[in-house]
Amino acid sequence: MNLYTILDTVANEYGPVFEAGNHGVAKRAFRQMLSKEVTHPDEYSLYCIGEVDKKSLKLTNKIEVVCNGDSAVPQNG
C-alpha cells in the first residue's frame, strides 16, 4: 500500500497522509478533491511518500511527485 500527501504550495505545508493502492487511485482522489474544494489547482501537488507492508508494518521511504494540480484537473476550454 502506498502512502500519499498533498502539498499546498502557498501555505508551504503538507496535508494528512492517506493510503492508496497505486498512483492511479491516488490521482483519482486528488482530482476529486481539487474539483470539489479548490479554485486554484495549480497551487497543489500530489506526493507519494512511501510504502507500508500491511502484514509486517515495514515502512519504505520513497518521496516522489506524482502529479501537479494543474495537470490533474482538465482545463475548461
N, C-alpha and C. Protein backbone atom coordinates (compact mmCIF):
# COMPACT_ATOMS: atom_id res chain seq x y z
N MET A 1 0.85 -1.16 0.00
CA MET A 1 0.00 0.00 0.00
C MET A 1 0.90 1.23 0.00
N ASN A 2 0.61 2.19 -0.87
CA ASN A 2 1.39 3.42 -0.94
C ASN A 2 0.81 4.48 -0.01
N LEU A 3 1.67 5.37 0.44
CA LEU A 3 1.28 6.48 1.30
C LEU A 3 1.46 7.78 0.51
N TYR A 4 0.49 8.66 0.60
CA TYR A 4 0.47 9.90 -0.18
C TYR A 4 0.16 11.09 0.72
N THR A 5 0.54 12.27 0.24
CA THR A 5 0.17 13.52 0.87
C THR A 5 0.06 14.58 -0.22
N ILE A 6 -0.59 15.68 0.10
CA ILE A 6 -0.76 16.78 -0.85
C ILE A 6 -0.07 18.01 -0.30
N LEU A 7 0.77 18.60 -1.14
CA LEU A 7 1.47 19.83 -0.77
C LEU A 7 0.66 21.03 -1.22
N ASP A 8 0.39 21.94 -0.30
CA ASP A 8 -0.20 23.24 -0.60
C ASP A 8 0.99 24.19 -0.75
N THR A 9 1.28 24.59 -1.98
CA THR A 9 2.49 25.39 -2.23
C THR A 9 2.38 26.81 -1.72
N VAL A 10 1.17 27.33 -1.53
CA VAL A 10 1.00 28.68 -0.99
C VAL A 10 1.28 28.67 0.51
N ALA A 11 0.72 27.71 1.21
CA ALA A 11 0.95 27.59 2.66
C ALA A 11 2.29 26.94 2.97
N ASN A 12 2.89 26.27 1.96
CA ASN A 12 4.13 25.52 2.13
C ASN A 12 3.98 24.47 3.23
N GLU A 13 2.85 23.74 3.17
CA GLU A 13 2.54 22.69 4.14
C GLU A 13 1.98 21.47 3.43
N TYR A 14 2.26 20.31 4.02
CA TYR A 14 1.71 19.06 3.52
C TYR A 14 0.45 18.72 4.31
N GLY A 15 -0.51 18.12 3.64
CA GLY A 15 -1.74 17.71 4.29
C GLY A 15 -1.61 16.35 4.94
N PRO A 16 -2.73 15.81 5.42
CA PRO A 16 -2.72 14.50 6.06
C PRO A 16 -2.25 13.40 5.10
N VAL A 17 -1.63 12.39 5.64
CA VAL A 17 -1.19 11.24 4.85
C VAL A 17 -2.41 10.34 4.61
N PHE A 18 -2.50 9.82 3.38
CA PHE A 18 -3.57 8.87 3.06
C PHE A 18 -3.00 7.70 2.27
N GLU A 19 -3.72 6.60 2.28
CA GLU A 19 -3.30 5.38 1.59
C GLU A 19 -4.03 5.23 0.26
N ALA A 20 -3.34 4.63 -0.69
CA ALA A 20 -3.96 4.22 -1.95
C ALA A 20 -3.16 3.05 -2.50
N GLY A 21 -3.81 2.19 -3.22
CA GLY A 21 -3.16 1.00 -3.75
C GLY A 21 -2.13 1.29 -4.83
N ASN A 22 -2.32 2.40 -5.56
CA ASN A 22 -1.37 2.76 -6.62
C ASN A 22 -1.55 4.23 -6.97
N HIS A 23 -0.67 4.73 -7.85
CA HIS A 23 -0.72 6.15 -8.23
C HIS A 23 -2.03 6.52 -8.91
N GLY A 24 -2.59 5.62 -9.70
CA GLY A 24 -3.84 5.92 -10.39
C GLY A 24 -4.99 6.19 -9.43
N VAL A 25 -5.09 5.39 -8.39
CA VAL A 25 -6.14 5.57 -7.39
C VAL A 25 -5.90 6.87 -6.63
N ALA A 26 -4.65 7.15 -6.29
CA ALA A 26 -4.32 8.39 -5.57
C ALA A 26 -4.62 9.62 -6.44
N LYS A 27 -4.29 9.55 -7.73
CA LYS A 27 -4.59 10.66 -8.65
C LYS A 27 -6.09 10.92 -8.73
N ARG A 28 -6.87 9.85 -8.78
CA ARG A 28 -8.33 10.00 -8.84
C ARG A 28 -8.85 10.73 -7.60
N ALA A 29 -8.37 10.33 -6.42
CA ALA A 29 -8.78 11.00 -5.18
C ALA A 29 -8.33 12.47 -5.19
N PHE A 30 -7.14 12.72 -5.68
CA PHE A 30 -6.59 14.08 -5.79
C PHE A 30 -7.45 14.93 -6.72
N ARG A 31 -7.80 14.39 -7.90
CA ARG A 31 -8.66 15.11 -8.85
C ARG A 31 -10.02 15.42 -8.24
N GLN A 32 -10.59 14.45 -7.54
CA GLN A 32 -11.90 14.67 -6.92
C GLN A 32 -11.83 15.78 -5.88
N MET A 33 -10.78 15.78 -5.07
CA MET A 33 -10.62 16.82 -4.05
C MET A 33 -10.46 18.18 -4.71
N LEU A 34 -9.64 18.25 -5.75
CA LEU A 34 -9.41 19.53 -6.43
C LEU A 34 -10.68 20.05 -7.09
N SER A 35 -11.45 19.18 -7.71
CA SER A 35 -12.63 19.63 -8.44
C SER A 35 -13.75 20.10 -7.51
N LYS A 36 -13.77 19.62 -6.27
CA LYS A 36 -14.83 19.98 -5.33
C LYS A 36 -14.46 21.15 -4.42
N GLU A 37 -13.19 21.28 -4.07
CA GLU A 37 -12.82 22.18 -2.98
C GLU A 37 -11.83 23.28 -3.34
N VAL A 38 -11.29 23.27 -4.54
CA VAL A 38 -10.14 24.14 -4.83
C VAL A 38 -10.41 25.01 -6.05
N THR A 39 -10.12 26.31 -5.93
CA THR A 39 -10.28 27.22 -7.07
C THR A 39 -8.97 27.43 -7.82
N HIS A 40 -7.83 27.09 -7.23
CA HIS A 40 -6.52 27.24 -7.87
C HIS A 40 -5.75 25.92 -7.79
N PRO A 41 -6.10 24.94 -8.63
CA PRO A 41 -5.46 23.62 -8.54
C PRO A 41 -3.95 23.66 -8.76
N ASP A 42 -3.45 24.69 -9.45
CA ASP A 42 -2.01 24.79 -9.70
C ASP A 42 -1.21 25.00 -8.41
N GLU A 43 -1.88 25.27 -7.29
CA GLU A 43 -1.21 25.52 -6.02
C GLU A 43 -1.03 24.25 -5.19
N TYR A 44 -1.33 23.07 -5.78
CA TYR A 44 -1.27 21.81 -5.05
C TYR A 44 -0.51 20.76 -5.85
N SER A 45 0.18 19.88 -5.15
CA SER A 45 0.89 18.76 -5.78
C SER A 45 0.68 17.50 -4.96
N LEU A 46 0.54 16.39 -5.65
CA LEU A 46 0.37 15.09 -5.02
C LEU A 46 1.72 14.40 -4.92
N TYR A 47 2.07 13.95 -3.72
CA TYR A 47 3.34 13.27 -3.47
C TYR A 47 3.08 11.85 -2.97
N CYS A 48 3.87 10.92 -3.46
CA CYS A 48 3.96 9.59 -2.86
C CYS A 48 5.14 9.67 -1.90
N ILE A 49 4.91 9.32 -0.65
CA ILE A 49 5.98 9.47 0.35
C ILE A 49 6.48 8.14 0.89
N GLY A 50 5.94 7.04 0.39
CA GLY A 50 6.45 5.75 0.83
C GLY A 50 5.45 4.63 0.64
N GLU A 51 5.85 3.48 1.16
CA GLU A 51 5.01 2.29 1.11
C GLU A 51 4.96 1.68 2.50
N VAL A 52 3.86 1.00 2.77
CA VAL A 52 3.74 0.25 4.02
C VAL A 52 3.30 -1.17 3.69
N ASP A 53 3.98 -2.13 4.27
CA ASP A 53 3.59 -3.53 4.16
C ASP A 53 2.62 -3.80 5.30
N LYS A 54 1.38 -4.08 4.98
CA LYS A 54 0.34 -4.21 6.00
C LYS A 54 0.50 -5.45 6.87
N LYS A 55 1.28 -6.43 6.43
CA LYS A 55 1.50 -7.63 7.25
C LYS A 55 2.64 -7.44 8.24
N SER A 56 3.72 -6.83 7.80
CA SER A 56 4.90 -6.67 8.67
C SER A 56 5.00 -5.27 9.28
N LEU A 57 4.21 -4.33 8.76
CA LEU A 57 4.27 -2.91 9.13
C LEU A 57 5.62 -2.28 8.79
N LYS A 58 6.33 -2.88 7.85
CA LYS A 58 7.58 -2.30 7.38
C LYS A 58 7.27 -1.10 6.50
N LEU A 59 7.92 0.03 6.82
CA LEU A 59 7.75 1.26 6.05
C LEU A 59 8.95 1.46 5.15
N THR A 60 8.69 1.83 3.92
CA THR A 60 9.74 2.14 2.97
C THR A 60 9.55 3.58 2.53
N ASN A 61 10.60 4.37 2.68
CA ASN A 61 10.55 5.78 2.31
C ASN A 61 10.90 5.93 0.83
N LYS A 62 10.03 6.61 0.07
CA LYS A 62 10.34 6.94 -1.32
C LYS A 62 9.52 8.17 -1.68
N ILE A 63 10.15 9.30 -1.72
CA ILE A 63 9.43 10.55 -1.98
C ILE A 63 9.50 10.88 -3.46
N GLU A 64 8.33 11.05 -4.06
CA GLU A 64 8.27 11.44 -5.47
C GLU A 64 6.99 12.23 -5.74
N VAL A 65 7.11 13.19 -6.64
CA VAL A 65 5.94 13.94 -7.08
C VAL A 65 5.20 13.06 -8.07
N VAL A 66 3.92 12.82 -7.80
CA VAL A 66 3.09 12.01 -8.70
C VAL A 66 2.50 12.89 -9.79
N CYS A 67 1.93 14.03 -9.39
CA CYS A 67 1.41 14.99 -10.36
C CYS A 67 1.13 16.32 -9.67
N ASN A 68 1.03 17.35 -10.48
CA ASN A 68 0.67 18.68 -10.01
C ASN A 68 -0.81 18.91 -10.27
N GLY A 69 -1.41 19.80 -9.49
CA GLY A 69 -2.83 20.05 -9.60
C GLY A 69 -3.27 20.55 -10.96
N ASP A 70 -2.43 21.37 -11.59
CA ASP A 70 -2.83 21.91 -12.90
C ASP A 70 -2.86 20.83 -13.98
N SER A 71 -2.08 19.78 -13.81
CA SER A 71 -2.13 18.69 -14.80
C SER A 71 -3.16 17.63 -14.44
N ALA A 72 -3.62 17.63 -13.18
CA ALA A 72 -4.59 16.62 -12.73
C ALA A 72 -6.02 16.97 -13.09
N VAL A 73 -6.31 18.27 -13.15
CA VAL A 73 -7.67 18.73 -13.41
C VAL A 73 -7.78 19.23 -14.85
N PRO A 74 -8.73 18.71 -15.63
CA PRO A 74 -8.90 19.18 -17.01
C PRO A 74 -9.23 20.67 -17.04
N GLN A 75 -8.64 21.36 -17.98
CA GLN A 75 -8.89 22.79 -18.14
C GLN A 75 -10.17 23.01 -18.92
N ASN A 76 -10.92 24.03 -18.53
CA ASN A 76 -12.11 24.41 -19.29
C ASN A 76 -11.68 25.10 -20.57
N GLY A 77 -12.31 24.77 -21.65
CA GLY A 77 -11.86 25.43 -22.84
C GLY A 77 -12.62 25.04 -23.98
